[in-house]
Amino acid sequence: MNKTKKMTTTALLVSVGVITSHLVYIPTGFAKVFPIQHFLNVLSVALLGPYYAVVQALLTSTIRNLLGTGSLLAFPGSIIGAFLAGVLYMKTKKLVGAVIGEVMGTGIIGAMACYPVVRLFLGQDAALFGFIPSFLVSSIVGSILGWFLLKAFIKTNYLGGVLYENSSNDRRF
């Protein structure tokens, strides 16, 4: 896929994330958990690669915050999740690597990274591990949805081998 198609696909995924952000979210105290973001991160990693996935997560979080449909906690969660999903996908060359990376990156590391954001920027008290349950559930649901969609696309050959790097290896889940 050339650079123009990757940028266009990234913009499309960002727009899906922004449009659905006011429709599909679960308010949990300071955070609004958003399973669609994890879904989009897995899609971005598999279709475009880790760099574009991180850019997609950053742009989606930024626009959601500017529109008031997100929170500052979207930044550490989604960006760390997209990055780790990209790294594990590149190492394993399997979609399950992207799913595990997204769940670990957002659900655990990103949730713990929210602690300083809440303390410094929001001026609230929070427990270090307080966001892990909600972030973990959200990332598991969204990542599995992304995995199922990509699995269906691969089975039906809908993508035509467009998966990022060595797509033939991705036929084995």
Protein backbone atom coordinates (compact mmCIF):
# COMPACT_ATOMS: atom_id res chain seq x y z
CA MET A 1 0.00 0.00 0.00
CA ASN A 2 1.49 3.35 -0.96
CA LYS A 3 1.85 6.32 1.38
CA THR A 4 -1.23 8.17 0.09
CA LYS A 5 -3.46 5.14 0.64
CA LYS A 6 -2.03 4.66 4.14
CA MET A 7 -2.67 8.29 5.05
CA THR A 8 -6.19 8.10 3.62
CA THR A 9 -6.93 4.89 5.51
CA THR A 10 -5.54 6.45 8.69
CA ALA A 11 -7.82 9.47 8.22
CA LEU A 12 -10.79 7.17 7.64
CA LEU A 13 -10.06 5.22 10.84
CA VAL A 14 -9.66 8.49 12.77
CA SER A 15 -13.02 9.69 11.49
CA VAL A 16 -14.68 6.41 12.51
CA GLY A 17 -13.17 6.81 15.97
CA VAL A 18 -14.32 10.40 16.33
CA ILE A 19 -17.83 9.77 15.01
CA THR A 20 -18.42 6.74 17.21
CA SER A 21 -16.89 8.32 20.32
CA HIS A 22 -20.12 9.94 21.40
CA LEU A 23 -22.16 6.81 20.64
CA VAL A 24 -20.13 3.96 22.14
CA TYR A 25 -18.44 4.70 25.47
CA ILE A 26 -18.69 3.65 29.06
CA PRO A 27 -18.23 6.40 31.68
CA THR A 28 -16.09 5.16 34.59
CA GLY A 29 -15.34 8.06 36.90
CA PHE A 30 -12.55 10.14 35.36
CA ALA A 31 -12.35 8.06 32.20
CA LYS A 32 -14.64 7.28 29.32
CA VAL A 33 -13.60 3.83 28.20
CA PHE A 34 -13.96 3.49 24.47
CA PRO A 35 -13.70 -0.07 23.05
CA ILE A 36 -13.86 1.24 19.49
CA GLN A 37 -10.40 2.80 19.97
CA HIS A 38 -8.90 -0.61 20.70
CA PHE A 39 -10.75 -2.05 17.73
CA LEU A 40 -9.25 0.69 15.54
CA ASN A 41 -5.78 0.20 16.99
CA VAL A 42 -5.77 -3.49 16.04
CA LEU A 43 -7.07 -2.66 12.56
CA SER A 44 -4.47 0.08 12.10
CA VAL A 45 -1.60 -2.12 13.19
CA ALA A 46 -2.62 -4.97 10.88
CA LEU A 47 -3.48 -2.82 7.86
CA LEU A 48 -0.99 0.04 8.11
CA GLY A 49 1.76 -0.81 10.55
CA PRO A 50 2.84 0.48 13.95
CA TYR A 51 3.72 4.03 12.94
CA TYR A 52 0.33 4.75 11.41
CA ALA A 53 -1.44 3.03 14.31
CA VAL A 54 0.22 5.38 16.81
CA VAL A 55 -0.61 8.40 14.63
CA GLN A 56 -4.21 7.20 14.35
CA ALA A 57 -4.48 6.80 18.14
CA LEU A 58 -2.95 10.24 18.75
CA LEU A 59 -5.19 12.00 16.24
CA THR A 60 -8.35 10.25 17.44
CA SER A 61 -7.59 11.08 21.08
CA THR A 62 -6.77 14.69 20.24
CA ILE A 63 -9.93 15.31 18.21
CA ARG A 64 -12.10 13.53 20.79
CA ASN A 65 -10.68 15.78 23.51
CA LEU A 66 -11.18 18.90 21.43
CA LEU A 67 -14.81 17.93 20.83
CA GLY A 68 -15.41 17.02 24.47
CA THR A 69 -16.14 13.35 23.83
CA GLY A 70 -12.89 12.09 25.34
CA SER A 71 -10.72 12.62 28.38
CA LEU A 72 -7.01 13.20 28.94
CA LEU A 73 -6.75 9.54 29.87
CA ALA A 74 -7.28 8.62 26.23
CA PHE A 75 -3.72 9.66 25.41
CA PRO A 76 -1.65 7.27 27.51
CA GLY A 77 -4.03 4.37 27.04
CA SER A 78 -4.55 4.47 23.31
CA ILE A 79 -1.05 5.49 22.28
CA ILE A 80 0.78 2.98 24.47
CA GLY A 81 -1.67 0.28 23.36
CA ALA A 82 -1.18 1.05 19.66
CA PHE A 83 2.59 1.12 20.07
CA LEU A 84 2.82 -2.18 21.93
CA ALA A 85 0.32 -3.80 19.55
CA GLY A 86 2.52 -2.71 16.65
CA VAL A 87 5.69 -4.02 18.27
CA LEU A 88 4.21 -7.42 19.08
CA TYR A 89 2.58 -7.70 15.67
CA MET A 90 5.92 -7.00 13.99
CA LYS A 91 7.70 -9.55 16.20
CA THR A 92 5.15 -12.36 15.91
CA LYS A 93 3.74 -11.61 12.43
CA LYS A 94 0.37 -12.76 13.77
CA LEU A 95 -2.84 -10.91 14.57
CA VAL A 96 -2.93 -12.40 18.04
CA GLY A 97 0.29 -10.46 18.74
CA ALA A 98 -1.51 -7.22 17.97
CA VAL A 99 -4.41 -8.21 20.23
CA ILE A 100 -2.13 -9.15 23.13
CA GLY A 101 -0.09 -5.97 22.64
CA GLU A 102 -3.21 -3.81 22.65
CA VAL A 103 -4.60 -5.47 25.78
CA MET A 104 -1.28 -5.31 27.66
CA GLY A 105 -0.43 -1.82 26.39
CA THR A 106 -3.77 -0.20 27.10
CA GLY A 107 -5.29 -2.44 29.74
CA ILE A 108 -2.29 -2.59 32.05
CA ILE A 109 0.55 -0.22 31.11
CA GLY A 110 -1.70 2.55 29.76
CA ALA A 111 -4.00 2.28 32.77
CA MET A 112 -1.06 2.70 35.14
CA ALA A 113 0.26 5.59 33.03
CA CYS A 114 -3.02 7.40 33.70
CA TYR A 115 -2.16 7.75 37.38
CA PRO A 116 0.21 10.74 36.92
CA VAL A 117 -2.21 12.35 34.46
CA VAL A 118 -5.02 12.21 37.02
CA ARG A 119 -2.76 13.49 39.81
CA LEU A 120 -0.99 16.27 37.89
CA PHE A 121 -3.50 17.51 35.34
CA LEU A 122 -6.85 16.69 36.91
CA GLY A 123 -5.79 17.28 40.51
CA GLN A 124 -7.70 14.24 41.76
CA ASP A 125 -6.74 11.34 44.00
CA ALA A 126 -6.62 7.98 42.30
CA ALA A 127 -5.16 4.56 42.98
CA LEU A 128 -2.24 3.44 40.84
CA PHE A 129 -4.08 0.30 39.77
CA GLY A 130 -7.54 1.87 39.83
CA PHE A 131 -8.01 2.13 36.07
CA ILE A 132 -6.82 -1.37 35.20
CA PRO A 133 -10.21 -3.17 35.49
CA SER A 134 -12.12 -0.78 33.23
CA PHE A 135 -9.26 -0.30 30.74
CA LEU A 136 -8.66 -4.04 30.63
CA VAL A 137 -12.30 -4.88 29.88
CA SER A 138 -12.51 -2.17 27.23
CA SER A 139 -9.28 -3.22 25.52
CA ILE A 140 -10.18 -6.92 25.56
CA VAL A 141 -13.60 -6.28 24.00
CA GLY A 142 -12.32 -3.88 21.34
CA SER A 143 -9.25 -5.94 20.45
CA ILE A 144 -11.21 -9.16 20.07
CA LEU A 145 -13.74 -7.39 17.84
CA GLY A 146 -10.87 -6.16 15.66
CA TRP A 147 -9.35 -9.63 15.55
CA PHE A 148 -12.66 -11.22 14.49
CA LEU A 149 -13.17 -8.64 11.74
CA LEU A 150 -9.66 -9.12 10.39
CA LYS A 151 -10.02 -12.89 10.61
CA ALA A 152 -13.23 -12.69 8.57
CA PHE A 153 -11.54 -10.41 6.03
CA ILE A 154 -8.64 -12.83 5.65
CA LYS A 155 -10.92 -15.85 5.32
CA THR A 156 -12.93 -14.23 2.57
CA ASN A 157 -9.80 -12.72 0.99
CA TYR A 158 -11.53 -9.34 1.22
CA LEU A 159 -8.27 -7.52 1.89
CA GLY A 160 -6.45 -9.22 -0.96
CA GLY A 161 -3.17 -9.54 0.96
CA VAL A 162 -3.09 -5.93 2.15
CA LEU A 163 -2.08 -6.75 5.73
CA TYR A 164 1.05 -4.93 6.77
CA GLU A 165 4.25 -6.85 5.96
CA ASN A 166 4.30 -10.59 5.34
CA SER A 167 0.55 -10.97 5.14
CA SER A 168 0.90 -14.62 4.15
CA ASN A 169 2.05 -15.38 7.72
CA ASP A 170 -1.15 -13.91 9.07
CA ARG A 171 -3.25 -16.75 7.71
CA ARG A 172 -2.13 -18.76 10.74
CA PHE A 173 -3.74 -17.30 13.82
